[in-house]
Amino acid sequence: MKTKLASILLIISSAFMFTSCGDSQDKVVDDMIELIEETPEVMKSGDKDKIAAHTKKMEELEKRAEALGMDPKSDDVFTEDQKMRIDEATKKASADMRN
């Protein structure tokens, strides 16, 4: 009985695990916004290691985007909502950098 229960739990958990592992344009955009929002704090810290790690995250994000067929430097791949969210994050980051 325990073996059967364990097998069922394994099957159920693997179904969730495999469906949630895929990357998507929305995940890339969410991560992009998060990085944009983190940029002022990282830059203000002046910590070369933090800046290098942040830069590496940006490069990895760009590779993820390209793997999904996105050109993160082109507005054409984003929905209007995504463009608006990225624009808001960029404006906020710019203002934070000036302060």
Protein backbone atom coordinates (compact mmCIF):
# COMPACT_ATOMS: atom_id res chain seq x y z
CA MET A 1 0.00 0.00 0.00
CA LYS A 2 2.81 2.46 0.87
CA THR A 3 4.55 1.69 -2.42
CA LYS A 4 1.37 2.41 -4.37
CA LEU A 5 0.85 5.69 -2.51
CA ALA A 6 4.46 6.69 -3.05
CA SER A 7 4.15 5.92 -6.77
CA ILE A 8 0.99 8.02 -7.09
CA LEU A 9 2.59 10.96 -5.25
CA LEU A 10 5.67 10.70 -7.46
CA ILE A 11 3.55 10.78 -10.61
CA ILE A 12 1.51 13.76 -9.41
CA SER A 13 4.54 15.73 -8.26
CA SER A 14 6.43 15.06 -11.49
CA ALA A 15 3.47 16.33 -13.51
CA PHE A 16 3.64 19.66 -11.68
CA MET A 17 7.40 19.73 -11.82
CA PHE A 18 7.61 19.28 -15.58
CA THR A 19 4.81 21.69 -16.43
CA SER A 20 6.27 24.46 -14.30
CA CYS A 21 9.85 24.16 -15.55
CA GLY A 22 9.28 25.59 -19.02
CA ASP A 23 10.41 29.09 -19.80
CA SER A 24 8.06 31.59 -21.35
CA GLN A 25 8.07 35.12 -22.66
CA ASP A 26 6.12 36.24 -19.59
CA LYS A 27 8.76 34.77 -17.25
CA VAL A 28 11.52 36.46 -19.22
CA VAL A 29 9.70 39.80 -19.05
CA ASP A 30 9.08 39.41 -15.30
CA ASP A 31 12.78 38.63 -14.76
CA MET A 32 13.76 41.55 -17.00
CA ILE A 33 11.64 43.93 -14.93
CA GLU A 34 13.12 42.55 -11.73
CA LEU A 35 16.65 43.13 -13.03
CA ILE A 36 15.78 46.64 -14.16
CA GLU A 37 14.40 47.41 -10.70
CA GLU A 38 17.53 46.01 -9.01
CA THR A 39 19.95 47.98 -11.19
CA PRO A 40 20.04 51.27 -9.23
CA GLU A 41 20.76 49.53 -5.94
CA VAL A 42 23.49 47.40 -7.49
CA MET A 43 25.11 50.35 -9.24
CA LYS A 44 24.92 52.59 -6.17
CA SER A 45 26.61 49.91 -4.08
CA GLY A 46 29.78 50.27 -6.12
CA ASP A 47 30.54 46.62 -5.32
CA LYS A 48 32.34 45.26 -8.38
CA ASP A 49 31.30 41.68 -7.58
CA LYS A 50 27.61 42.64 -7.33
CA ILE A 51 27.85 44.60 -10.57
CA ALA A 52 29.54 41.68 -12.33
CA ALA A 53 26.91 39.24 -11.03
CA HIS A 54 24.14 41.59 -12.14
CA THR A 55 25.69 41.91 -15.59
CA LYS A 56 25.94 38.13 -15.83
CA LYS A 57 22.23 37.79 -14.93
CA MET A 58 21.41 40.27 -17.70
CA GLU A 59 23.47 38.29 -20.23
CA GLU A 60 21.80 35.03 -19.17
CA LEU A 61 18.39 36.65 -19.48
CA GLU A 62 19.23 37.81 -22.98
CA LYS A 63 20.21 34.23 -23.91
CA ARG A 64 16.92 32.92 -22.47
CA ALA A 65 15.01 35.49 -24.50
CA GLU A 66 16.86 34.57 -27.68
CA ALA A 67 16.18 30.86 -27.03
CA LEU A 68 12.47 31.74 -27.03
CA GLY A 69 12.84 33.63 -30.31
CA MET A 70 12.71 37.04 -28.66
CA ASP A 71 14.96 39.98 -29.35
CA PRO A 72 14.89 41.79 -25.98
CA LYS A 73 16.26 44.93 -27.62
CA SER A 74 13.26 45.16 -29.96
CA ASP A 75 9.88 46.43 -28.80
CA ASP A 76 8.16 44.32 -31.47
CA VAL A 77 8.31 41.12 -29.37
CA PHE A 78 6.49 42.56 -26.36
CA THR A 79 2.78 42.97 -25.77
CA GLU A 80 1.47 46.44 -24.97
CA ASP A 81 1.12 45.47 -21.30
CA GLN A 82 4.70 44.19 -21.20
CA LYS A 83 5.97 47.36 -22.89
CA MET A 84 4.14 49.45 -20.30
CA ARG A 85 5.55 47.43 -17.38
CA ILE A 86 9.10 47.61 -18.76
CA ASP A 87 8.74 51.36 -19.38
CA GLU A 88 7.50 51.95 -15.82
CA ALA A 89 10.35 49.90 -14.34
CA THR A 90 12.89 51.76 -16.49
CA LYS A 91 11.53 55.17 -15.47
CA LYS A 92 11.58 54.19 -11.80
CA ALA A 93 15.13 52.84 -12.08
CA SER A 94 16.27 56.03 -13.82
CA ALA A 95 14.75 58.17 -11.08
CA ASP A 96 16.36 55.97 -8.40
CA MET A 97 19.74 56.35 -10.09
CA ARG A 98 19.46 60.14 -9.96
CA ASN A 99 18.69 60.15 -6.23
